[in-house]
Amino acid sequence: MFQNCEKQQIETIEGRWVETQPVANRIEFLFQAENQLVQKTNDNEARRTFTYEILEDSISLSSNEADLARPIVVFFKVINDSELQIGNFTIQGNNDEILHMRKLE
């Protein structure tokens, strides 16, 4: 499902991305310069920060928090310049969901 994504397809990842499905506006990712990612949720959960690395068809997320030592690898599929899908991102203990994200800026 998340195959045939090439690294150069995601060069425009920097910016603000918001979840559109399965739950609209639940998660927001802010991809910043120097490979930094801020994750916010709409349930007043604390922000989480990561250092990210774009691999072939996945993004490796290393938590900037001391309690998460092992990187998280999520898979992505670029739909177009303003839409992508992310799989394997754990939300409330569930990593089966595929997040549909839309770029806001």
C-alpha atoms as a PDB file:
ATOM      1  CA  MET A   1       0.000   0.000   0.000  1.00  0.00           C
ATOM      2  CA  PHE A   2       2.775   2.441   0.841  1.00  0.00           C
ATOM      3  CA  GLN A   3       5.140   1.528  -1.967  1.00  0.00           C
ATOM      4  CA  ASN A   4       6.629   3.440  -4.880  1.00  0.00           C
ATOM      5  CA  CYS A   5       7.167   6.628  -2.905  1.00  0.00           C
ATOM      6  CA  GLU A   6      10.444   8.266  -3.734  1.00  0.00           C
ATOM      7  CA  LYS A   7      12.429  10.539  -1.500  1.00  0.00           C
ATOM      8  CA  GLN A   8      12.295  13.432  -3.959  1.00  0.00           C
ATOM      9  CA  GLN A   9       8.477  13.315  -3.964  1.00  0.00           C
ATOM     10  CA  ILE A  10       8.395  14.550  -0.378  1.00  0.00           C
ATOM     11  CA  GLU A  11      10.876  17.426  -0.574  1.00  0.00           C
ATOM     12  CA  THR A  12       8.035  19.840   0.220  1.00  0.00           C
ATOM     13  CA  ILE A  13       7.149  18.177   3.515  1.00  0.00           C
ATOM     14  CA  GLU A  14       8.081  21.241   5.588  1.00  0.00           C
ATOM     15  CA  GLY A  15       4.993  23.032   6.811  1.00  0.00           C
ATOM     16  CA  ARG A  16       1.821  22.373   8.753  1.00  0.00           C
ATOM     17  CA  TRP A  17      -0.150  19.196   8.031  1.00  0.00           C
ATOM     18  CA  VAL A  18      -3.530  18.361   9.565  1.00  0.00           C
ATOM     19  CA  GLU A  19      -5.367  15.046   9.670  1.00  0.00           C
ATOM     20  CA  THR A  20      -8.465  14.866   7.463  1.00  0.00           C
ATOM     21  CA  GLN A  21      -9.287  11.160   7.959  1.00  0.00           C
ATOM     22  CA  PRO A  22     -10.147   9.030   9.854  1.00  0.00           C
ATOM     23  CA  VAL A  23     -10.698  11.845  12.421  1.00  0.00           C
ATOM     24  CA  ALA A  24     -10.588  15.387  11.045  1.00  0.00           C
ATOM     25  CA  ASN A  25      -8.289  17.811  12.901  1.00  0.00           C
ATOM     26  CA  ARG A  26      -7.293  15.259  15.564  1.00  0.00           C
ATOM     27  CA  ILE A  27      -3.560  15.401  14.805  1.00  0.00           C
ATOM     28  CA  GLU A  28      -1.371  18.137  13.456  1.00  0.00           C
ATOM     29  CA  PHE A  29       2.219  17.689  12.311  1.00  0.00           C
ATOM     30  CA  LEU A  30       4.522  20.655  11.941  1.00  0.00           C
ATOM     31  CA  PHE A  31       7.542  19.665   9.865  1.00  0.00           C
ATOM     32  CA  GLN A  32      10.223  22.276  10.476  1.00  0.00           C
ATOM     33  CA  ALA A  33      13.720  23.070   9.252  1.00  0.00           C
ATOM     34  CA  GLU A  34      16.631  20.952  10.417  1.00  0.00           C
ATOM     35  CA  ASN A  35      14.450  17.819  10.319  1.00  0.00           C
ATOM     36  CA  GLN A  36      12.340  18.698  13.347  1.00  0.00           C
ATOM     37  CA  LEU A  37       8.732  17.563  13.738  1.00  0.00           C
ATOM     38  CA  VAL A  38       6.205  18.753  16.310  1.00  0.00           C
ATOM     39  CA  GLN A  39       3.095  16.611  16.834  1.00  0.00           C
ATOM     40  CA  LYS A  40       0.017  18.183  18.423  1.00  0.00           C
ATOM     41  CA  THR A  41      -3.318  16.558  19.168  1.00  0.00           C
ATOM     42  CA  ASN A  42      -6.710  18.118  19.774  1.00  0.00           C
ATOM     43  CA  ASP A  43      -7.203  16.399  23.144  1.00  0.00           C
ATOM     44  CA  ASN A  44      -4.859  18.796  24.995  1.00  0.00           C
ATOM     45  CA  GLU A  45      -2.132  16.157  25.085  1.00  0.00           C
ATOM     46  CA  ALA A  46       1.324  17.634  25.428  1.00  0.00           C
ATOM     47  CA  ARG A  47       3.211  18.301  22.236  1.00  0.00           C
ATOM     48  CA  ARG A  48       5.696  15.656  21.194  1.00  0.00           C
ATOM     49  CA  THR A  49       8.825  16.524  19.276  1.00  0.00           C
ATOM     50  CA  PHE A  50      10.875  14.342  16.964  1.00  0.00           C
ATOM     51  CA  THR A  51      13.871  14.501  14.702  1.00  0.00           C
ATOM     52  CA  TYR A  52      12.864  12.970  11.379  1.00  0.00           C
ATOM     53  CA  GLU A  53      14.724  11.356   8.523  1.00  0.00           C
ATOM     54  CA  ILE A  54      13.109  10.633   5.183  1.00  0.00           C
ATOM     55  CA  LEU A  55      14.020   7.178   3.933  1.00  0.00           C
ATOM     56  CA  GLU A  56      12.817   5.573   0.688  1.00  0.00           C
ATOM     57  CA  ASP A  57       9.139   4.983   1.471  1.00  0.00           C
ATOM     58  CA  SER A  58       9.167   5.770   5.172  1.00  0.00           C
ATOM     59  CA  ILE A  59       9.996   8.426   7.705  1.00  0.00           C
ATOM     60  CA  SER A  60      12.066   7.541  10.767  1.00  0.00           C
ATOM     61  CA  LEU A  61      11.021   9.528  13.846  1.00  0.00           C
ATOM     62  CA  SER A  62      13.456   9.765  16.762  1.00  0.00           C
ATOM     63  CA  SER A  63      11.817  11.212  19.829  1.00  0.00           C
ATOM     64  CA  ASN A  64      13.474  14.264  21.331  1.00  0.00           C
ATOM     65  CA  GLU A  65      12.187  13.041  24.698  1.00  0.00           C
ATOM     66  CA  ALA A  66      14.413  10.813  26.827  1.00  0.00           C
ATOM     67  CA  ASP A  67      11.725   8.189  27.500  1.00  0.00           C
ATOM     68  CA  LEU A  68      11.488   6.989  23.889  1.00  0.00           C
ATOM     69  CA  ALA A  69      14.866   5.577  22.956  1.00  0.00           C
ATOM     70  CA  ARG A  70      13.962   3.612  19.830  1.00  0.00           C
ATOM     71  CA  PRO A  71      13.012   5.423  16.588  1.00  0.00           C
ATOM     72  CA  ILE A  72       9.493   5.037  15.232  1.00  0.00           C
ATOM     73  CA  VAL A  73       9.280   4.194  11.536  1.00  0.00           C
ATOM     74  CA  VAL A  74       6.120   5.341   9.785  1.00  0.00           C
ATOM     75  CA  PHE A  75       5.243   4.775   6.168  1.00  0.00           C
ATOM     76  CA  PHE A  76       3.963   7.431   3.838  1.00  0.00           C
ATOM     77  CA  LYS A  77       2.392   7.769   0.428  1.00  0.00           C
ATOM     78  CA  VAL A  78       2.432  11.077  -1.388  1.00  0.00           C
ATOM     79  CA  ILE A  79      -0.897  11.777  -3.074  1.00  0.00           C
ATOM     80  CA  ASN A  80       0.052  15.238  -4.379  1.00  0.00           C
ATOM     81  CA  ASP A  81       1.851  18.373  -3.110  1.00  0.00           C
ATOM     82  CA  SER A  82      -0.785  18.994  -0.458  1.00  0.00           C
ATOM     83  CA  GLU A  83      -1.927  15.481   0.528  1.00  0.00           C
ATOM     84  CA  LEU A  84      -0.214  12.447   1.980  1.00  0.00           C
ATOM     85  CA  GLN A  85      -1.060   9.305   3.896  1.00  0.00           C
ATOM     86  CA  ILE A  86       0.846   8.058   6.932  1.00  0.00           C
ATOM     87  CA  GLY A  87       0.643   4.510   8.217  1.00  0.00           C
ATOM     88  CA  ASN A  88       2.032   2.795  11.319  1.00  0.00           C
ATOM     89  CA  PHE A  89       1.739   5.904  13.515  1.00  0.00           C
ATOM     90  CA  THR A  90       0.443   4.817  16.911  1.00  0.00           C
ATOM     91  CA  ILE A  91      -2.546   6.748  18.218  1.00  0.00           C
ATOM     92  CA  GLN A  92      -3.884   5.775  21.621  1.00  0.00           C
ATOM     93  CA  GLY A  93      -2.287   2.325  21.317  1.00  0.00           C
ATOM     94  CA  ASN A  94      -3.652   1.707  17.804  1.00  0.00           C
ATOM     95  CA  ASN A  95      -1.203   1.610  14.914  1.00  0.00           C
ATOM     96  CA  ASP A  96      -3.611   0.169  12.323  1.00  0.00           C
ATOM     97  CA  GLU A  97      -5.025   3.516  11.263  1.00  0.00           C
ATOM     98  CA  ILE A  98      -3.920   5.249   8.092  1.00  0.00           C
ATOM     99  CA  LEU A  99      -3.794   8.986   8.591  1.00  0.00           C
ATOM    100  CA  HIS A 100      -4.841  11.148   5.668  1.00  0.00           C
ATOM    101  CA  MET A 101      -3.072  14.492   5.990  1.00  0.00           C
ATOM    102  CA  ARG A 102      -3.576  17.817   4.182  1.00  0.00           C
ATOM    103  CA  LYS A 103      -0.956  20.551   4.034  1.00  0.00           C
ATOM    104  CA  LEU A 104      -2.125  23.910   5.378  1.00  0.00           C
ATOM    105  CA  GLU A 105       0.923  26.027   4.615  1.00  0.00           C
END
